[in-house]
């Protein structure tokens, strides 16, 4: 049951990442139109950047779950199956620790920006905690995905989604 909830969480974050990509597209197109027609729309560059960063962070858990992160398997391909399993478990443990620290730092950053009333240096003075929230949410999802992957490895359950066959890639 917790694994199914996590999968739903990854899908939700992936949908939000897609919406963020649409937001980046709209911001960039509005910026182009504003330059053509001489409109003054401050902050569009910032919103495009926030949207791209949001898409990147929000897609992290689903990317891990689909085994699409870059992995260096040169050493893993030349060891026994049991050694490979132990090495992958250690790598997942280290990744979990790093992802948990990243999530803690991102949440802390949002909180500090909120309490200090930090605003963007752009013309629109956006409160920084708003765009930082998507980074924190994506980092939390990434940490959950690593914990899920580690638990799956330790319990012998499959974590990674089956390849869709859309694009072949080599690890």
C-alpha atoms as a PDB file:
ATOM      1  CA  UNK A   1       0.000   0.000   0.000  1.00  0.00           C
ATOM      2  CA  UNK A   2       2.711   2.592   0.797  1.00  0.00           C
ATOM      3  CA  UNK A   3       4.367   1.759  -2.534  1.00  0.00           C
ATOM      4  CA  UNK A   4       1.108   2.473  -4.390  1.00  0.00           C
ATOM      5  CA  UNK A   5       0.753   5.807  -2.586  1.00  0.00           C
ATOM      6  CA  UNK A   6       4.326   6.652  -3.535  1.00  0.00           C
ATOM      7  CA  UNK A   7       3.649   5.771  -7.179  1.00  0.00           C
ATOM      8  CA  UNK A   8       0.641   8.090  -7.145  1.00  0.00           C
ATOM      9  CA  UNK A   9       2.786  10.814  -5.612  1.00  0.00           C
ATOM     10  CA  UNK A  10       5.417  10.389  -8.356  1.00  0.00           C
ATOM     11  CA  UNK A  11       2.706  10.625 -11.026  1.00  0.00           C
ATOM     12  CA  UNK A  12       1.213  13.734  -9.433  1.00  0.00           C
ATOM     13  CA  UNK A  13       4.622  15.404  -9.339  1.00  0.00           C
ATOM     14  CA  UNK A  14       5.200  14.421 -12.963  1.00  0.00           C
ATOM     15  CA  UNK A  15       1.898  16.042 -13.973  1.00  0.00           C
ATOM     16  CA  UNK A  16       2.937  19.181 -12.070  1.00  0.00           C
ATOM     17  CA  UNK A  17       6.284  19.093 -13.906  1.00  0.00           C
ATOM     18  CA  UNK A  18       4.392  19.019 -17.206  1.00  0.00           C
ATOM     19  CA  UNK A  19       2.293  21.980 -16.111  1.00  0.00           C
ATOM     20  CA  UNK A  20       5.496  23.795 -15.155  1.00  0.00           C
ATOM     21  CA  UNK A  21       6.893  23.148 -18.648  1.00  0.00           C
ATOM     22  CA  UNK A  22       3.724  24.658 -20.120  1.00  0.00           C
ATOM     23  CA  UNK A  23       4.234  27.622 -17.776  1.00  0.00           C
ATOM     24  CA  UNK A  24       7.802  28.045 -19.050  1.00  0.00           C
ATOM     25  CA  UNK A  25       6.552  27.959 -22.636  1.00  0.00           C
ATOM     26  CA  UNK A  26       3.836  30.524 -21.939  1.00  0.00           C
ATOM     27  CA  UNK A  27       6.288  32.820 -20.109  1.00  0.00           C
ATOM     28  CA  UNK A  28       8.795  32.660 -22.953  1.00  0.00           C
ATOM     29  CA  UNK A  29       6.139  33.253 -25.606  1.00  0.00           C
ATOM     30  CA  UNK A  30       4.705  36.191 -23.664  1.00  0.00           C
ATOM     31  CA  UNK A  31       8.195  37.612 -23.341  1.00  0.00           C
ATOM     32  CA  UNK A  32       8.706  37.341 -27.106  1.00  0.00           C
ATOM     33  CA  UNK A  33       5.335  38.979 -27.789  1.00  0.00           C
ATOM     34  CA  UNK A  34       6.065  41.700 -25.250  1.00  0.00           C
ATOM     35  CA  UNK A  35       9.294  42.564 -27.031  1.00  0.00           C
ATOM     36  CA  UNK A  36       7.612  42.587 -30.449  1.00  0.00           C
ATOM     37  CA  UNK A  37       4.726  44.820 -29.352  1.00  0.00           C
ATOM     38  CA  UNK A  38       6.675  46.961 -26.893  1.00  0.00           C
ATOM     39  CA  UNK A  39       4.726  45.862 -23.819  1.00  0.00           C
ATOM     40  CA  UNK A  40       6.238  46.131 -20.365  1.00  0.00           C
ATOM     41  CA  UNK A  41       5.693  42.814 -18.565  1.00  0.00           C
ATOM     42  CA  UNK A  42       8.277  42.663 -15.778  1.00  0.00           C
ATOM     43  CA  UNK A  43       9.460  39.366 -14.366  1.00  0.00           C
ATOM     44  CA  UNK A  44       8.735  37.089 -17.336  1.00  0.00           C
ATOM     45  CA  UNK A  45      12.356  35.911 -17.511  1.00  0.00           C
ATOM     46  CA  UNK A  46      12.168  35.043 -13.834  1.00  0.00           C
ATOM     47  CA  UNK A  47       8.890  33.149 -14.248  1.00  0.00           C
ATOM     48  CA  UNK A  48      10.336  31.146 -17.131  1.00  0.00           C
ATOM     49  CA  UNK A  49      13.322  30.244 -14.957  1.00  0.00           C
ATOM     50  CA  UNK A  50      11.120  29.330 -11.998  1.00  0.00           C
ATOM     51  CA  UNK A  51       8.984  27.123 -14.256  1.00  0.00           C
ATOM     52  CA  UNK A  52      11.976  25.313 -15.724  1.00  0.00           C
ATOM     53  CA  UNK A  53      13.460  24.735 -12.270  1.00  0.00           C
ATOM     54  CA  UNK A  54      10.080  23.497 -11.020  1.00  0.00           C
ATOM     55  CA  UNK A  55       9.821  21.049 -13.919  1.00  0.00           C
ATOM     56  CA  UNK A  56      13.310  19.738 -13.235  1.00  0.00           C
ATOM     57  CA  UNK A  57      12.785  19.151  -9.522  1.00  0.00           C
ATOM     58  CA  UNK A  58       9.209  17.858  -9.775  1.00  0.00           C
ATOM     59  CA  UNK A  59      10.239  15.237 -12.358  1.00  0.00           C
ATOM     60  CA  UNK A  60      13.058  13.777 -10.213  1.00  0.00           C
ATOM     61  CA  UNK A  61      11.022  11.032  -8.454  1.00  0.00           C
ATOM     62  CA  UNK A  62       9.362   9.714 -11.622  1.00  0.00           C
ATOM     63  CA  UNK A  63      12.680   9.806 -13.449  1.00  0.00           C
ATOM     64  CA  UNK A  64      14.253   7.678 -10.719  1.00  0.00           C
ATOM     65  CA  UNK A  65      11.281   5.311 -10.710  1.00  0.00           C
ATOM     66  CA  UNK A  66      11.614   4.856 -14.490  1.00  0.00           C
ATOM     67  CA  UNK A  67      15.369   4.229 -14.121  1.00  0.00           C
ATOM     68  CA  UNK A  68      16.168   7.186 -16.377  1.00  0.00           C
ATOM     69  CA  UNK A  69      18.859   8.839 -14.268  1.00  0.00           C
ATOM     70  CA  UNK A  70      22.386   8.454 -15.569  1.00  0.00           C
ATOM     71  CA  UNK A  71      24.048   5.410 -14.043  1.00  0.00           C
ATOM     72  CA  UNK A  72      27.614   4.294 -14.476  1.00  0.00           C
ATOM     73  CA  UNK A  73      27.323   0.514 -14.617  1.00  0.00           C
ATOM     74  CA  UNK A  74      30.772  -0.270 -15.997  1.00  0.00           C
ATOM     75  CA  UNK A  75      31.847  -1.866 -12.721  1.00  0.00           C
ATOM     76  CA  UNK A  76      28.456  -3.427 -11.977  1.00  0.00           C
ATOM     77  CA  UNK A  77      28.445  -5.265 -15.298  1.00  0.00           C
ATOM     78  CA  UNK A  78      31.646  -7.104 -14.361  1.00  0.00           C
ATOM     79  CA  UNK A  79      30.796  -8.422 -10.889  1.00  0.00           C
ATOM     80  CA  UNK A  80      28.703 -11.335  -9.699  1.00  0.00           C
ATOM     81  CA  UNK A  81      24.969 -10.965  -9.202  1.00  0.00           C
ATOM     82  CA  UNK A  82      25.215 -11.045  -5.398  1.00  0.00           C
ATOM     83  CA  UNK A  83      28.011  -8.453  -5.376  1.00  0.00           C
ATOM     84  CA  UNK A  84      26.021  -6.296  -7.777  1.00  0.00           C
ATOM     85  CA  UNK A  85      23.001  -6.462  -5.449  1.00  0.00           C
ATOM     86  CA  UNK A  86      25.082  -5.414  -2.447  1.00  0.00           C
ATOM     87  CA  UNK A  87      26.746  -2.602  -4.407  1.00  0.00           C
ATOM     88  CA  UNK A  88      23.384  -1.330  -5.597  1.00  0.00           C
ATOM     89  CA  UNK A  89      22.024  -1.449  -2.039  1.00  0.00           C
ATOM     90  CA  UNK A  90      24.986   0.604  -0.791  1.00  0.00           C
ATOM     91  CA  UNK A  91      24.525   3.080  -3.650  1.00  0.00           C
ATOM     92  CA  UNK A  92      20.810   3.373  -2.845  1.00  0.00           C
ATOM     93  CA  UNK A  93      21.635   3.886   0.839  1.00  0.00           C
ATOM     94  CA  UNK A  94      24.059   6.692  -0.029  1.00  0.00           C
ATOM     95  CA  UNK A  95      21.557   8.171  -2.485  1.00  0.00           C
ATOM     96  CA  UNK A  96      18.856   8.043   0.169  1.00  0.00           C
ATOM     97  CA  UNK A  97      21.053   9.931   2.606  1.00  0.00           C
ATOM     98  CA  UNK A  98      21.903  12.592   0.038  1.00  0.00           C
ATOM     99  CA  UNK A  99      18.276  12.914  -1.101  1.00  0.00           C
ATOM    100  CA  UNK A 100      17.045  13.255   2.498  1.00  0.00           C
ATOM    101  CA  UNK A 101      19.619  15.975   3.164  1.00  0.00           C
ATOM    102  CA  UNK A 102      18.652  17.754  -0.056  1.00  0.00           C
ATOM    103  CA  UNK A 103      14.965  17.596   0.917  1.00  0.00           C
ATOM    104  CA  UNK A 104      15.715  18.924   4.399  1.00  0.00           C
ATOM    105  CA  UNK A 105      17.793  21.758   2.947  1.00  0.00           C
ATOM    106  CA  UNK A 106      15.122  22.655   0.369  1.00  0.00           C
ATOM    107  CA  UNK A 107      12.341  22.738   2.979  1.00  0.00           C
ATOM    108  CA  UNK A 108      14.547  24.809   5.264  1.00  0.00           C
ATOM    109  CA  UNK A 109      15.280  27.220   2.398  1.00  0.00           C
ATOM    110  CA  UNK A 110      11.551  27.723   1.794  1.00  0.00           C
ATOM    111  CA  UNK A 111      10.976  28.337   5.496  1.00  0.00           C
ATOM    112  CA  UNK A 112      13.835  30.846   5.778  1.00  0.00           C
ATOM    113  CA  UNK A 113      12.673  32.699   2.664  1.00  0.00           C
ATOM    114  CA  UNK A 114       9.143  32.811   4.048  1.00  0.00           C
ATOM    115  CA  UNK A 115      10.141  34.048   7.500  1.00  0.00           C
ATOM    116  CA  UNK A 116      12.562  36.658   6.147  1.00  0.00           C
ATOM    117  CA  UNK A 117      10.071  37.842   3.498  1.00  0.00           C
ATOM    118  CA  UNK A 118      12.709  37.319   0.802  1.00  0.00           C
ATOM    119  CA  UNK A 119      11.626  38.599  -2.605  1.00  0.00           C
ATOM    120  CA  UNK A 120      13.041  38.172  -6.102  1.00  0.00           C
ATOM    121  CA  UNK A 121      15.314  40.963  -7.302  1.00  0.00           C
ATOM    122  CA  UNK A 122      13.249  41.229 -10.492  1.00  0.00           C
ATOM    123  CA  UNK A 123      10.762  43.999 -11.172  1.00  0.00           C
ATOM    124  CA  UNK A 124       7.781  42.032  -9.892  1.00  0.00           C
ATOM    125  CA  UNK A 125       9.277  41.238  -6.427  1.00  0.00           C
ATOM    126  CA  UNK A 126       7.865  37.700  -6.241  1.00  0.00           C
ATOM    127  CA  UNK A 127       8.126  36.193  -2.740  1.00  0.00           C
ATOM    128  CA  UNK A 128      10.916  33.615  -3.151  1.00  0.00           C
ATOM    129  CA  UNK A 129       9.225  30.943  -1.071  1.00  0.00           C
ATOM    130  CA  UNK A 130       6.608  30.457  -3.805  1.00  0.00           C
ATOM    131  CA  UNK A 131       8.959  29.225  -6.575  1.00  0.00           C
ATOM    132  CA  UNK A 132      11.154  27.489  -3.998  1.00  0.00           C
ATOM    133  CA  UNK A 133       8.154  25.439  -2.886  1.00  0.00           C
ATOM    134  CA  UNK A 134       8.230  23.384  -6.087  1.00  0.00           C
ATOM    135  CA  UNK A 135      11.913  22.637  -5.495  1.00  0.00           C
ATOM    136  CA  UNK A 136      11.171  21.479  -1.956  1.00  0.00           C
ATOM    137  CA  UNK A 137       8.247  19.341  -3.107  1.00  0.00           C
ATOM    138  CA  UNK A 138      10.366  17.731  -5.819  1.00  0.00           C
ATOM    139  CA  UNK A 139      13.200  17.063  -3.357  1.00  0.00           C
ATOM    140  CA  UNK A 140      10.780  15.486  -0.891  1.00  0.00           C
ATOM    141  CA  UNK A 141       9.460  13.282  -3.678  1.00  0.00           C
ATOM    142  CA  UNK A 142      13.022  12.375  -4.678  1.00  0.00           C
ATOM    143  CA  UNK A 143      13.822  11.369  -1.099  1.00  0.00           C
ATOM    144  CA  UNK A 144      10.630   9.307  -0.904  1.00  0.00           C
ATOM    145  CA  UNK A 145      11.581   7.611  -4.182  1.00  0.00           C
ATOM    146  CA  UNK A 146      15.044   6.746  -2.872  1.00  0.00           C
ATOM    147  CA  UNK A 147      13.613   5.358   0.363  1.00  0.00           C
ATOM    148  CA  UNK A 148      11.118   3.361  -1.701  1.00  0.00           C
ATOM    149  CA  UNK A 149      13.891   2.086  -4.002  1.00  0.00           C
ATOM    150  CA  UNK A 150      16.100   1.109  -1.069  1.00  0.00           C
ATOM    151  CA  UNK A 151      13.239  -0.673   0.706  1.00  0.00           C
ATOM    152  CA  UNK A 152      12.356  -2.444  -2.534  1.00  0.00           C
ATOM    153  CA  UNK A 153      15.958  -3.614  -2.942  1.00  0.00           C
ATOM    154  CA  UNK A 154      16.130  -4.860   0.636  1.00  0.00           C
ATOM    155  CA  UNK A 155      12.786  -6.703   0.456  1.00  0.00           C
ATOM    156  CA  UNK A 156      13.339  -8.121  -3.033  1.00  0.00           C
ATOM    157  CA  UNK A 157      10.452  -6.183  -4.573  1.00  0.00           C
ATOM    158  CA  UNK A 158      10.740  -4.479  -7.970  1.00  0.00           C
ATOM    159  CA  UNK A 159      10.974  -0.707  -7.774  1.00  0.00           C
ATOM    160  CA  UNK A 160      11.834   0.350 -11.298  1.00  0.00           C
ATOM    161  CA  UNK A 161       9.027   0.536 -13.838  1.00  0.00           C
ATOM    162  CA  UNK A 162       9.154  -1.774 -16.808  1.00  0.00           C
ATOM    163  CA  UNK A 163      10.579  -0.103 -19.906  1.00  0.00           C
ATOM    164  CA  UNK A 164       7.869   1.209 -22.196  1.00  0.00           C
ATOM    165  CA  UNK A 165       9.793   0.266 -25.320  1.00  0.00           C
ATOM    166  CA  UNK A 166       9.543   3.826 -26.656  1.00  0.00           C
ATOM    167  CA  UNK A 167      13.258   4.451 -26.686  1.00  0.00           C
ATOM    168  CA  UNK A 168      16.012   1.968 -26.198  1.00  0.00           C
ATOM    169  CA  UNK A 169      18.901   3.117 -24.064  1.00  0.00           C
ATOM    170  CA  UNK A 170      22.017   1.575 -22.632  1.00  0.00           C
ATOM    171  CA  UNK A 171      23.010   1.875 -18.992  1.00  0.00           C
END
